[in-house]
Amino acid sequence: MADTTIKISDEIRDRLRTLAEERGLSARAYVERMVAAIPTETERAERTAKAIAYVREQFGAEVDDAVLREGQAWRQAVAERRVGSRR
């Protein structure tokens, strides 16, 4: 395991510590868990390809470029909190 140093503001460092403590983790373990949970663009593309193949196989539905663009726009809107809500 390698040690890495990053420079962050005191405010963010304190927030990181608080978030980690609330979860019973060290700051290091919390950062590792968060980063491991975020897919890379390559991983997202692979997941998308698998999902499209599954839909085609299971439902016989054709997924064309227009449908993909619509889905990507919806996903972006959710990420930007323009649609959906947490209740």
C-alpha atoms as a PDB file:
ATOM      1  CA  MET A   1       0.000   0.000   0.000  1.00  0.00           C
ATOM      2  CA  ALA A   2       1.369   3.406  -0.950  1.00  0.00           C
ATOM      3  CA  ASP A   3       1.179   6.603   1.047  1.00  0.00           C
ATOM      4  CA  THR A   4      -0.001   9.647  -0.858  1.00  0.00           C
ATOM      5  CA  THR A   5      -0.233  13.226   0.300  1.00  0.00           C
ATOM      6  CA  ILE A   6      -2.831  15.635  -1.053  1.00  0.00           C
ATOM      7  CA  LYS A   7      -3.367  19.244  -0.130  1.00  0.00           C
ATOM      8  CA  ILE A   8      -6.908  20.239   0.781  1.00  0.00           C
ATOM      9  CA  SER A   9      -8.373  23.132   2.718  1.00  0.00           C
ATOM     10  CA  ASP A  10      -8.722  22.859   6.486  1.00  0.00           C
ATOM     11  CA  GLU A  11     -12.494  22.998   6.061  1.00  0.00           C
ATOM     12  CA  ILE A  12     -12.554  19.992   3.733  1.00  0.00           C
ATOM     13  CA  ARG A  13     -10.081  18.076   5.914  1.00  0.00           C
ATOM     14  CA  ASP A  14     -12.325  18.611   8.941  1.00  0.00           C
ATOM     15  CA  ARG A  15     -15.392  17.610   6.966  1.00  0.00           C
ATOM     16  CA  LEU A  16     -13.634  14.460   5.743  1.00  0.00           C
ATOM     17  CA  ARG A  17     -12.741  13.518   9.305  1.00  0.00           C
ATOM     18  CA  THR A  18     -16.311  14.109  10.488  1.00  0.00           C
ATOM     19  CA  LEU A  19     -17.816  12.070   7.645  1.00  0.00           C
ATOM     20  CA  ALA A  20     -15.379   9.226   8.299  1.00  0.00           C
ATOM     21  CA  GLU A  21     -15.971   9.257  12.062  1.00  0.00           C
ATOM     22  CA  GLU A  22     -19.756   9.190  11.560  1.00  0.00           C
ATOM     23  CA  ARG A  23     -19.265   5.956   9.642  1.00  0.00           C
ATOM     24  CA  GLY A  24     -16.787   4.463  12.081  1.00  0.00           C
ATOM     25  CA  LEU A  25     -13.941   4.716   9.568  1.00  0.00           C
ATOM     26  CA  SER A  26     -10.572   6.366   9.367  1.00  0.00           C
ATOM     27  CA  ALA A  27     -10.253   9.186   6.852  1.00  0.00           C
ATOM     28  CA  ARG A  28      -8.056   6.909   4.738  1.00  0.00           C
ATOM     29  CA  ALA A  29     -10.605   4.063   4.743  1.00  0.00           C
ATOM     30  CA  TYR A  30     -13.423   6.485   3.948  1.00  0.00           C
ATOM     31  CA  VAL A  31     -11.579   7.992   0.965  1.00  0.00           C
ATOM     32  CA  GLU A  32     -10.672   4.514  -0.305  1.00  0.00           C
ATOM     33  CA  ARG A  33     -14.301   3.387  -0.051  1.00  0.00           C
ATOM     34  CA  MET A  34     -15.615   6.500  -1.815  1.00  0.00           C
ATOM     35  CA  VAL A  35     -13.125   6.361  -4.674  1.00  0.00           C
ATOM     36  CA  ALA A  36     -13.584   2.613  -5.159  1.00  0.00           C
ATOM     37  CA  ALA A  37     -17.351   3.143  -5.494  1.00  0.00           C
ATOM     38  CA  ILE A  38     -17.111   5.663  -8.354  1.00  0.00           C
ATOM     39  CA  PRO A  39     -16.859   4.001 -11.766  1.00  0.00           C
ATOM     40  CA  THR A  40     -14.393   5.252 -14.359  1.00  0.00           C
ATOM     41  CA  GLU A  41     -15.664   6.301 -17.776  1.00  0.00           C
ATOM     42  CA  THR A  42     -14.421   2.968 -19.166  1.00  0.00           C
ATOM     43  CA  GLU A  43     -16.291   1.036 -16.480  1.00  0.00           C
ATOM     44  CA  ARG A  44     -19.459   3.042 -17.175  1.00  0.00           C
ATOM     45  CA  ALA A  45     -19.165   2.321 -20.894  1.00  0.00           C
ATOM     46  CA  GLU A  46     -18.766  -1.398 -20.151  1.00  0.00           C
ATOM     47  CA  ARG A  47     -21.822  -1.354 -17.868  1.00  0.00           C
ATOM     48  CA  THR A  48     -23.832   0.463 -20.523  1.00  0.00           C
ATOM     49  CA  ALA A  49     -22.854  -2.069 -23.174  1.00  0.00           C
ATOM     50  CA  LYS A  50     -23.836  -4.954 -20.869  1.00  0.00           C
ATOM     51  CA  ALA A  51     -27.156  -3.300 -20.039  1.00  0.00           C
ATOM     52  CA  ILE A  52     -27.963  -2.744 -23.714  1.00  0.00           C
ATOM     53  CA  ALA A  53     -27.099  -6.353 -24.528  1.00  0.00           C
ATOM     54  CA  TYR A  54     -29.328  -7.524 -21.663  1.00  0.00           C
ATOM     55  CA  VAL A  55     -32.289  -5.416 -22.804  1.00  0.00           C
ATOM     56  CA  ARG A  56     -31.912  -6.672 -26.356  1.00  0.00           C
ATOM     57  CA  GLU A  57     -31.631 -10.301 -25.254  1.00  0.00           C
ATOM     58  CA  GLN A  58     -34.357 -10.326 -22.614  1.00  0.00           C
ATOM     59  CA  PHE A  59     -36.902  -7.983 -24.157  1.00  0.00           C
ATOM     60  CA  GLY A  60     -36.102  -7.987 -27.849  1.00  0.00           C
ATOM     61  CA  ALA A  61     -36.027  -4.204 -27.725  1.00  0.00           C
ATOM     62  CA  GLU A  62     -33.759  -2.276 -30.039  1.00  0.00           C
ATOM     63  CA  VAL A  63     -31.765   0.436 -28.346  1.00  0.00           C
ATOM     64  CA  ASP A  64     -30.693   3.003 -30.910  1.00  0.00           C
ATOM     65  CA  ASP A  65     -28.558   6.123 -30.591  1.00  0.00           C
ATOM     66  CA  ALA A  66     -31.584   8.363 -29.938  1.00  0.00           C
ATOM     67  CA  VAL A  67     -32.684   6.207 -27.001  1.00  0.00           C
ATOM     68  CA  LEU A  68     -29.139   6.189 -25.627  1.00  0.00           C
ATOM     69  CA  ARG A  69     -28.884   9.985 -25.882  1.00  0.00           C
ATOM     70  CA  GLU A  70     -32.216  10.354 -24.095  1.00  0.00           C
ATOM     71  CA  GLY A  71     -31.049   8.042 -21.314  1.00  0.00           C
ATOM     72  CA  GLN A  72     -27.755   9.883 -20.962  1.00  0.00           C
ATOM     73  CA  ALA A  73     -29.564  13.227 -20.782  1.00  0.00           C
ATOM     74  CA  TRP A  74     -31.866  11.844 -18.078  1.00  0.00           C
ATOM     75  CA  ARG A  75     -28.914  10.466 -16.097  1.00  0.00           C
ATOM     76  CA  GLN A  76     -27.177  13.855 -16.321  1.00  0.00           C
ATOM     77  CA  ALA A  77     -30.335  15.632 -15.142  1.00  0.00           C
ATOM     78  CA  VAL A  78     -30.548  13.306 -12.140  1.00  0.00           C
ATOM     79  CA  ALA A  79     -26.856  13.862 -11.340  1.00  0.00           C
ATOM     80  CA  GLU A  80     -27.416  17.629 -11.500  1.00  0.00           C
ATOM     81  CA  ARG A  81     -30.535  17.270  -9.333  1.00  0.00           C
ATOM     82  CA  ARG A  82     -32.755  18.767 -12.005  1.00  0.00           C
ATOM     83  CA  VAL A  83     -35.121  15.767 -11.762  1.00  0.00           C
ATOM     84  CA  GLY A  84     -35.961  13.373  -8.980  1.00  0.00           C
ATOM     85  CA  SER A  85     -35.739  13.996  -5.275  1.00  0.00           C
ATOM     86  CA  ARG A  86     -34.734  12.243  -2.110  1.00  0.00           C
ATOM     87  CA  ARG A  87     -37.546  11.716   0.302  1.00  0.00           C
END
